[in-house]
Amino acid sequence: MKDLRTENPESFENKLASLETIVKKLEEGSLTLQETLALYEKGMKMSSELNEALNEAEKHMREISNGKILAPEEET
């Protein structure tokens, strides 16, 4: 699993923008079957990665809310 604290903070937004571009291209319907399948596969992979990142962020937020993660000044 990826550590969101060390991952490029813009990577999620960049991947989301790329996924939105893929969806628009697929919705246009002007691609060949091969192009459609390749973009669909790429989009599904990106969607899975984005979902994983969101799940990790949610888990991290729950840990913070439950006091399991110390603020930097509280660490010893």
PDB file of N, CA and C in Angstrom:
ATOM      1  N   MET A   1       0.826  -1.185   0.000  1.00  0.00           N
ATOM      2  CA  MET A   1       0.000   0.000   0.000  1.00  0.00           C
ATOM      3  C   MET A   1       0.871   1.249   0.000  1.00  0.00           C
ATOM      4  N   LYS A   2       0.396   2.279  -0.636  1.00  0.00           N
ATOM      5  CA  LYS A   2       1.153   3.514  -0.764  1.00  0.00           C
ATOM      6  C   LYS A   2       0.985   4.364   0.482  1.00  0.00           C
ATOM      7  N   ASP A   3       2.064   5.029   0.875  1.00  0.00           N
ATOM      8  CA  ASP A   3       2.014   5.966   1.991  1.00  0.00           C
ATOM      9  C   ASP A   3       1.676   7.339   1.425  1.00  0.00           C
ATOM     10  N   LEU A   4       0.484   7.839   1.721  1.00  0.00           N
ATOM     11  CA  LEU A   4       0.028   9.106   1.173  1.00  0.00           C
ATOM     12  C   LEU A   4       0.875  10.271   1.648  1.00  0.00           C
ATOM     13  N   ARG A   5       1.562  10.114   2.768  1.00  0.00           N
ATOM     14  CA  ARG A   5       2.372  11.207   3.296  1.00  0.00           C
ATOM     15  C   ARG A   5       3.631  11.408   2.475  1.00  0.00           C
ATOM     16  N   THR A   6       4.100  10.367   1.769  1.00  0.00           N
ATOM     17  CA  THR A   6       5.321  10.496   0.977  1.00  0.00           C
ATOM     18  C   THR A   6       5.028  10.572  -0.513  1.00  0.00           C
ATOM     19  N   GLU A   7       3.803  10.308  -0.908  1.00  0.00           N
ATOM     20  CA  GLU A   7       3.430  10.366  -2.316  1.00  0.00           C
ATOM     21  C   GLU A   7       3.301  11.817  -2.761  1.00  0.00           C
ATOM     22  N   ASN A   8       3.611  12.065  -4.019  1.00  0.00           N
ATOM     23  CA  ASN A   8       3.466  13.409  -4.578  1.00  0.00           C
ATOM     24  C   ASN A   8       2.036  13.880  -4.340  1.00  0.00           C
ATOM     25  N   PRO A   9       1.847  15.026  -3.656  1.00  0.00           N
ATOM     26  CA  PRO A   9       0.489  15.476  -3.322  1.00  0.00           C
ATOM     27  C   PRO A   9      -0.374  15.779  -4.543  1.00  0.00           C
ATOM     28  N   GLU A  10       0.232  16.063  -5.693  1.00  0.00           N
ATOM     29  CA  GLU A  10      -0.542  16.360  -6.885  1.00  0.00           C
ATOM     30  C   GLU A  10      -0.859  15.111  -7.697  1.00  0.00           C
ATOM     31  N   SER A  11      -0.263  13.995  -7.358  1.00  0.00           N
ATOM     32  CA  SER A  11      -0.437  12.806  -8.179  1.00  0.00           C
ATOM     33  C   SER A  11      -1.894  12.334  -8.197  1.00  0.00           C
ATOM     34  N   PHE A  12      -2.594  12.454  -7.090  1.00  0.00           N
ATOM     35  CA  PHE A  12      -3.995  12.044  -7.067  1.00  0.00           C
ATOM     36  C   PHE A  12      -4.806  12.907  -8.022  1.00  0.00           C
ATOM     37  N   GLU A  13      -4.631  14.209  -7.920  1.00  0.00           N
ATOM     38  CA  GLU A  13      -5.369  15.133  -8.780  1.00  0.00           C
ATOM     39  C   GLU A  13      -4.997  14.943 -10.252  1.00  0.00           C
ATOM     40  N   ASN A  14      -3.717  14.705 -10.520  1.00  0.00           N
ATOM     41  CA  ASN A  14      -3.290  14.472 -11.902  1.00  0.00           C
ATOM     42  C   ASN A  14      -3.898  13.194 -12.464  1.00  0.00           C
ATOM     43  N   LYS A  15      -3.920  12.146 -11.650  1.00  0.00           N
ATOM     44  CA  LYS A  15      -4.524  10.886 -12.100  1.00  0.00           C
ATOM     45  C   LYS A  15      -6.021  11.055 -12.322  1.00  0.00           C
ATOM     46  N   LEU A  16      -6.670  11.801 -11.451  1.00  0.00           N
ATOM     47  CA  LEU A  16      -8.100  12.030 -11.604  1.00  0.00           C
ATOM     48  C   LEU A  16      -8.384  12.799 -12.899  1.00  0.00           C
ATOM     49  N   ALA A  17      -7.571  13.812 -13.180  1.00  0.00           N
ATOM     50  CA  ALA A  17      -7.738  14.582 -14.418  1.00  0.00           C
ATOM     51  C   ALA A  17      -7.514  13.693 -15.637  1.00  0.00           C
ATOM     52  N   SER A  18      -6.525  12.816 -15.567  1.00  0.00           N
ATOM     53  CA  SER A  18      -6.263  11.890 -16.674  1.00  0.00           C
ATOM     54  C   SER A  18      -7.427  10.928 -16.868  1.00  0.00           C
ATOM     55  N   LEU A  19      -7.982  10.457 -15.772  1.00  0.00           N
ATOM     56  CA  LEU A  19      -9.126   9.560 -15.859  1.00  0.00           C
ATOM     57  C   LEU A  19     -10.319  10.277 -16.486  1.00  0.00           C
ATOM     58  N   GLU A  20     -10.533  11.522 -16.116  1.00  0.00           N
ATOM     59  CA  GLU A  20     -11.636  12.293 -16.701  1.00  0.00           C
ATOM     60  C   GLU A  20     -11.439  12.470 -18.205  1.00  0.00           C
ATOM     61  N   THR A  21     -10.204  12.669 -18.639  1.00  0.00           N
ATOM     62  CA  THR A  21      -9.906  12.791 -20.064  1.00  0.00           C
ATOM     63  C   THR A  21     -10.209  11.481 -20.789  1.00  0.00           C
ATOM     64  N   ILE A  22      -9.848  10.379 -20.175  1.00  0.00           N
ATOM     65  CA  ILE A  22     -10.120   9.067 -20.767  1.00  0.00           C
ATOM     66  C   ILE A  22     -11.618   8.857 -20.916  1.00  0.00           C
ATOM     67  N   VAL A  23     -12.369   9.185 -19.880  1.00  0.00           N
ATOM     68  CA  VAL A  23     -13.823   9.014 -19.921  1.00  0.00           C
ATOM     69  C   VAL A  23     -14.426   9.847 -21.054  1.00  0.00           C
ATOM     70  N   LYS A  24     -13.971  11.072 -21.203  1.00  0.00           N
ATOM     71  CA  LYS A  24     -14.480  11.932 -22.281  1.00  0.00           C
ATOM     72  C   LYS A  24     -14.201  11.327 -23.650  1.00  0.00           C
ATOM     73  N   LYS A  25     -12.985  10.806 -23.834  1.00  0.00           N
ATOM     74  CA  LYS A  25     -12.636  10.184 -25.115  1.00  0.00           C
ATOM     75  C   LYS A  25     -13.508   8.965 -25.383  1.00  0.00           C
ATOM     76  N   LEU A  26     -13.744   8.175 -24.345  1.00  0.00           N
ATOM     77  CA  LEU A  26     -14.579   6.989 -24.512  1.00  0.00           C
ATOM     78  C   LEU A  26     -16.028   7.371 -24.824  1.00  0.00           C
ATOM     79  N   GLU A  27     -16.506   8.427 -24.204  1.00  0.00           N
ATOM     80  CA  GLU A  27     -17.884   8.869 -24.432  1.00  0.00           C
ATOM     81  C   GLU A  27     -18.094   9.434 -25.836  1.00  0.00           C
ATOM     82  N   GLU A  28     -17.040   9.971 -26.434  1.00  0.00           N
ATOM     83  CA  GLU A  28     -17.146  10.510 -27.786  1.00  0.00           C
ATOM     84  C   GLU A  28     -17.503   9.423 -28.797  1.00  0.00           C
ATOM     85  N   GLY A  29     -17.004   8.229 -28.562  1.00  0.00           N
ATOM     86  CA  GLY A  29     -17.333   7.106 -29.425  1.00  0.00           C
ATOM     87  C   GLY A  29     -16.643   7.112 -30.778  1.00  0.00           C
ATOM     88  N   SER A  30     -15.592   7.888 -30.934  1.00  0.00           N
ATOM     89  CA  SER A  30     -14.917   7.967 -32.224  1.00  0.00           C
ATOM     90  C   SER A  30     -13.648   7.120 -32.302  1.00  0.00           C
ATOM     91  N   LEU A  31     -13.402   6.324 -31.302  1.00  0.00           N
ATOM     92  CA  LEU A  31     -12.200   5.494 -31.257  1.00  0.00           C
ATOM     93  C   LEU A  31     -12.439   4.134 -31.910  1.00  0.00           C
ATOM     94  N   THR A  32     -11.357   3.524 -32.341  1.00  0.00           N
ATOM     95  CA  THR A  32     -11.458   2.158 -32.848  1.00  0.00           C
ATOM     96  C   THR A  32     -11.683   1.212 -31.666  1.00  0.00           C
ATOM     97  N   LEU A  33     -12.045   0.004 -31.971  1.00  0.00           N
ATOM     98  CA  LEU A  33     -12.257  -0.982 -30.912  1.00  0.00           C
ATOM     99  C   LEU A  33     -10.975  -1.181 -30.108  1.00  0.00           C
ATOM    100  N   GLN A  34      -9.840  -1.290 -30.796  1.00  0.00           N
ATOM    101  CA  GLN A  34      -8.552  -1.485 -30.109  1.00  0.00           C
ATOM    102  C   GLN A  34      -8.243  -0.309 -29.182  1.00  0.00           C
ATOM    103  N   GLU A  35      -8.454   0.914 -29.677  1.00  0.00           N
ATOM    104  CA  GLU A  35      -8.197   2.105 -28.873  1.00  0.00           C
ATOM    105  C   GLU A  35      -9.140   2.162 -27.674  1.00  0.00           C
ATOM    106  N   THR A  36     -10.386   1.798 -27.903  1.00  0.00           N
ATOM    107  CA  THR A  36     -11.379   1.800 -26.831  1.00  0.00           C
ATOM    108  C   THR A  36     -10.988   0.822 -25.736  1.00  0.00           C
ATOM    109  N   LEU A  37     -10.611  -0.377 -26.135  1.00  0.00           N
ATOM    110  CA  LEU A  37     -10.218  -1.385 -25.144  1.00  0.00           C
ATOM    111  C   LEU A  37      -8.977  -0.963 -24.367  1.00  0.00           C
ATOM    112  N   ALA A  38      -8.009  -0.379 -25.059  1.00  0.00           N
ATOM    113  CA  ALA A  38      -6.781   0.059 -24.388  1.00  0.00           C
ATOM    114  C   ALA A  38      -7.082   1.181 -23.395  1.00  0.00           C
ATOM    115  N   LEU A  39      -7.892   2.143 -23.809  1.00  0.00           N
ATOM    116  CA  LEU A  39      -8.232   3.242 -22.902  1.00  0.00           C
ATOM    117  C   LEU A  39      -9.090   2.765 -21.737  1.00  0.00           C
ATOM    118  N   TYR A  40     -10.007   1.846 -22.021  1.00  0.00           N
ATOM    119  CA  TYR A  40     -10.847   1.306 -20.956  1.00  0.00           C
ATOM    120  C   TYR A  40      -9.985   0.609 -19.907  1.00  0.00           C
ATOM    121  N   GLU A  41      -9.038  -0.191 -20.361  1.00  0.00           N
ATOM    122  CA  GLU A  41      -8.149  -0.902 -19.435  1.00  0.00           C
ATOM    123  C   GLU A  41      -7.329   0.093 -18.611  1.00  0.00           C
ATOM    124  N   LYS A  42      -6.790   1.111 -19.264  1.00  0.00           N
ATOM    125  CA  LYS A  42      -6.012   2.132 -18.563  1.00  0.00           C
ATOM    126  C   LYS A  42      -6.887   2.868 -17.548  1.00  0.00           C
ATOM    127  N   GLY A  43      -8.101   3.204 -17.950  1.00  0.00           N
ATOM    128  CA  GLY A  43      -9.018   3.901 -17.059  1.00  0.00           C
ATOM    129  C   GLY A  43      -9.400   3.072 -15.845  1.00  0.00           C
ATOM    130  N   MET A  44      -9.638   1.793 -16.047  1.00  0.00           N
ATOM    131  CA  MET A  44      -9.986   0.922 -14.924  1.00  0.00           C
ATOM    132  C   MET A  44      -8.821   0.799 -13.942  1.00  0.00           C
ATOM    133  N   LYS A  45      -7.602   0.739 -14.478  1.00  0.00           N
ATOM    134  CA  LYS A  45      -6.429   0.668 -13.607  1.00  0.00           C
ATOM    135  C   LYS A  45      -6.310   1.958 -12.794  1.00  0.00           C
ATOM    136  N   MET A  46      -6.476   3.107 -13.471  1.00  0.00           N
ATOM    137  CA  MET A  46      -6.405   4.392 -12.765  1.00  0.00           C
ATOM    138  C   MET A  46      -7.496   4.492 -11.711  1.00  0.00           C
ATOM    139  N   SER A  47      -8.690   4.058 -12.049  1.00  0.00           N
ATOM    140  CA  SER A  47      -9.804   4.097 -11.116  1.00  0.00           C
ATOM    141  C   SER A  47      -9.488   3.282  -9.870  1.00  0.00           C
ATOM    142  N   SER A  48      -8.902   2.125 -10.061  1.00  0.00           N
ATOM    143  CA  SER A  48      -8.530   1.274  -8.937  1.00  0.00           C
ATOM    144  C   SER A  48      -7.469   1.938  -8.059  1.00  0.00           C
ATOM    145  N   GLU A  49      -6.486   2.562  -8.702  1.00  0.00           N
ATOM    146  CA  GLU A  49      -5.431   3.251  -7.948  1.00  0.00           C
ATOM    147  C   GLU A  49      -5.997   4.437  -7.160  1.00  0.00           C
ATOM    148  N   LEU A  50      -6.905   5.175  -7.777  1.00  0.00           N
ATOM    149  CA  LEU A  50      -7.527   6.311  -7.092  1.00  0.00           C
ATOM    150  C   LEU A  50      -8.377   5.838  -5.919  1.00  0.00           C
ATOM    151  N   ASN A  51      -9.106   4.763  -6.125  1.00  0.00           N
ATOM    152  CA  ASN A  51      -9.925   4.209  -5.048  1.00  0.00           C
ATOM    153  C   ASN A  51      -9.052   3.750  -3.882  1.00  0.00           C
ATOM    154  N   GLU A  52      -7.932   3.131  -4.202  1.00  0.00           N
ATOM    155  CA  GLU A  52      -7.007   2.686  -3.153  1.00  0.00           C
ATOM    156  C   GLU A  52      -6.457   3.884  -2.376  1.00  0.00           C
ATOM    157  N   ALA A  53      -6.109   4.949  -3.096  1.00  0.00           N
ATOM    158  CA  ALA A  53      -5.596   6.150  -2.437  1.00  0.00           C
ATOM    159  C   ALA A  53      -6.651   6.757  -1.517  1.00  0.00           C
ATOM    160  N   LEU A  54      -7.900   6.785  -1.961  1.00  0.00           N
ATOM    161  CA  LEU A  54      -8.978   7.309  -1.123  1.00  0.00           C
ATOM    162  C   LEU A  54      -9.190   6.443   0.115  1.00  0.00           C
ATOM    163  N   ASN A  55      -9.125   5.137  -0.058  1.00  0.00           N
ATOM    164  CA  ASN A  55      -9.268   4.233   1.085  1.00  0.00           C
ATOM    165  C   ASN A  55      -8.147   4.445   2.100  1.00  0.00           C
ATOM    166  N   GLU A  56      -6.920   4.635   1.605  1.00  0.00           N
ATOM    167  CA  GLU A  56      -5.792   4.875   2.501  1.00  0.00           C
ATOM    168  C   GLU A  56      -5.954   6.209   3.232  1.00  0.00           C
ATOM    169  N   ALA A  57      -6.435   7.227   2.519  1.00  0.00           N
ATOM    170  CA  ALA A  57      -6.654   8.528   3.151  1.00  0.00           C
ATOM    171  C   ALA A  57      -7.720   8.423   4.232  1.00  0.00           C
ATOM    172  N   GLU A  58      -8.780   7.705   3.943  1.00  0.00           N
ATOM    173  CA  GLU A  58      -9.839   7.519   4.930  1.00  0.00           C
ATOM    174  C   GLU A  58      -9.318   6.783   6.157  1.00  0.00           C
ATOM    175  N   LYS A  59      -8.523   5.740   5.934  1.00  0.00           N
ATOM    176  CA  LYS A  59      -7.935   4.986   7.037  1.00  0.00           C
ATOM    177  C   LYS A  59      -7.043   5.891   7.879  1.00  0.00           C
ATOM    178  N   HIS A  60      -6.252   6.713   7.215  1.00  0.00           N
ATOM    179  CA  HIS A  60      -5.354   7.630   7.918  1.00  0.00           C
ATOM    180  C   HIS A  60      -6.157   8.634   8.740  1.00  0.00           C
ATOM    181  N   MET A  61      -7.222   9.148   8.180  1.00  0.00           N
ATOM    182  CA  MET A  61      -8.062  10.107   8.907  1.00  0.00           C
ATOM    183  C   MET A  61      -8.701   9.459  10.124  1.00  0.00           C
ATOM    184  N   ARG A  62      -9.123   8.208   9.994  1.00  0.00           N
ATOM    185  CA  ARG A  62      -9.697   7.507  11.147  1.00  0.00           C
ATOM    186  C   ARG A  62      -8.661   7.327  12.243  1.00  0.00           C
ATOM    187  N   GLU A  63      -7.424   6.999  11.851  1.00  0.00           N
ATOM    188  CA  GLU A  63      -6.358   6.838  12.838  1.00  0.00           C
ATOM    189  C   GLU A  63      -6.096   8.151  13.565  1.00  0.00           C
ATOM    190  N   ILE A  64      -6.109   9.248  12.819  1.00  0.00           N
ATOM    191  CA  ILE A  64      -5.915  10.559  13.444  1.00  0.00           C
ATOM    192  C   ILE A  64      -7.058  10.844  14.409  1.00  0.00           C
ATOM    193  N   SER A  65      -8.280  10.593  13.975  1.00  0.00           N
ATOM    194  CA  SER A  65      -9.460  10.862  14.799  1.00  0.00           C
ATOM    195  C   SER A  65      -9.481  10.012  16.065  1.00  0.00           C
ATOM    196  N   ASN A  66      -8.941   8.818  15.981  1.00  0.00           N
ATOM    197  CA  ASN A  66      -8.929   7.923  17.134  1.00  0.00           C
ATOM    198  C   ASN A  66      -7.705   8.136  18.013  1.00  0.00           C
ATOM    199  N   GLY A  67      -6.874   9.105  17.666  1.00  0.00           N
ATOM    200  CA  GLY A  67      -5.700   9.410  18.485  1.00  0.00           C
ATOM    201  C   GLY A  67      -4.572   8.425  18.341  1.00  0.00           C
ATOM    202  N   LYS A  68      -4.574   7.597  17.311  1.00  0.00           N
ATOM    203  CA  LYS A  68      -3.513   6.614  17.138  1.00  0.00           C
ATOM    204  C   LYS A  68      -2.243   7.225  16.556  1.00  0.00           C
ATOM    205  N   ILE A  69      -2.374   8.387  15.954  1.00  0.00           N
ATOM    206  CA  ILE A  69      -1.216   9.035  15.344  1.00  0.00           C
ATOM    207  C   ILE A  69      -0.903  10.292  16.144  1.00  0.00           C
ATOM    208  N   LEU A  70       0.327  10.386  16.603  1.00  0.00           N
ATOM    209  CA  LEU A  70       0.742  11.540  17.389  1.00  0.00           C
ATOM    210  C   LEU A  70       1.138  12.673  16.476  1.00  0.00           C
ATOM    211  N   ALA A  71       0.828  13.872  16.898  1.00  0.00           N
ATOM    212  CA  ALA A  71       1.299  15.045  16.172  1.00  0.00           C
ATOM    213  C   ALA A  71       2.810  15.077  16.293  1.00  0.00           C
ATOM    214  N   PRO A  72       3.537  15.667  15.319  1.00  0.00           N
ATOM    215  CA  PRO A  72       4.998  15.682  15.360  1.00  0.00           C
ATOM    216  C   PRO A  72       5.580  16.190  16.676  1.00  0.00           C
ATOM    217  N   GLU A  73       4.977  17.187  17.295  1.00  0.00           N
ATOM    218  CA  GLU A  73       5.514  17.711  18.540  1.00  0.00           C
ATOM    219  C   GLU A  73       5.263  16.773  19.723  1.00  0.00           C
ATOM    220  N   GLU A  74       4.357  15.799  19.579  1.00  0.00           N
ATOM    221  CA  GLU A  74       4.051  14.857  20.644  1.00  0.00           C
ATOM    222  C   GLU A  74       4.916  13.603  20.591  1.00  0.00           C
ATOM    223  N   GLU A  75       5.584  13.383  19.459  1.00  0.00           N
ATOM    224  CA  GLU A  75       6.401  12.187  19.304  1.00  0.00           C
ATOM    225  C   GLU A  75       7.660  12.310  20.146  1.00  0.00           C
ATOM    226  N   THR A  76       8.114  11.151  20.648  1.00  0.00           N
ATOM    227  CA  THR A  76       9.338  11.159  21.454  1.00  0.00           C
ATOM    228  C   THR A  76      10.384  10.278  20.846  1.00  0.00           C
TER     229      THR A  76
END
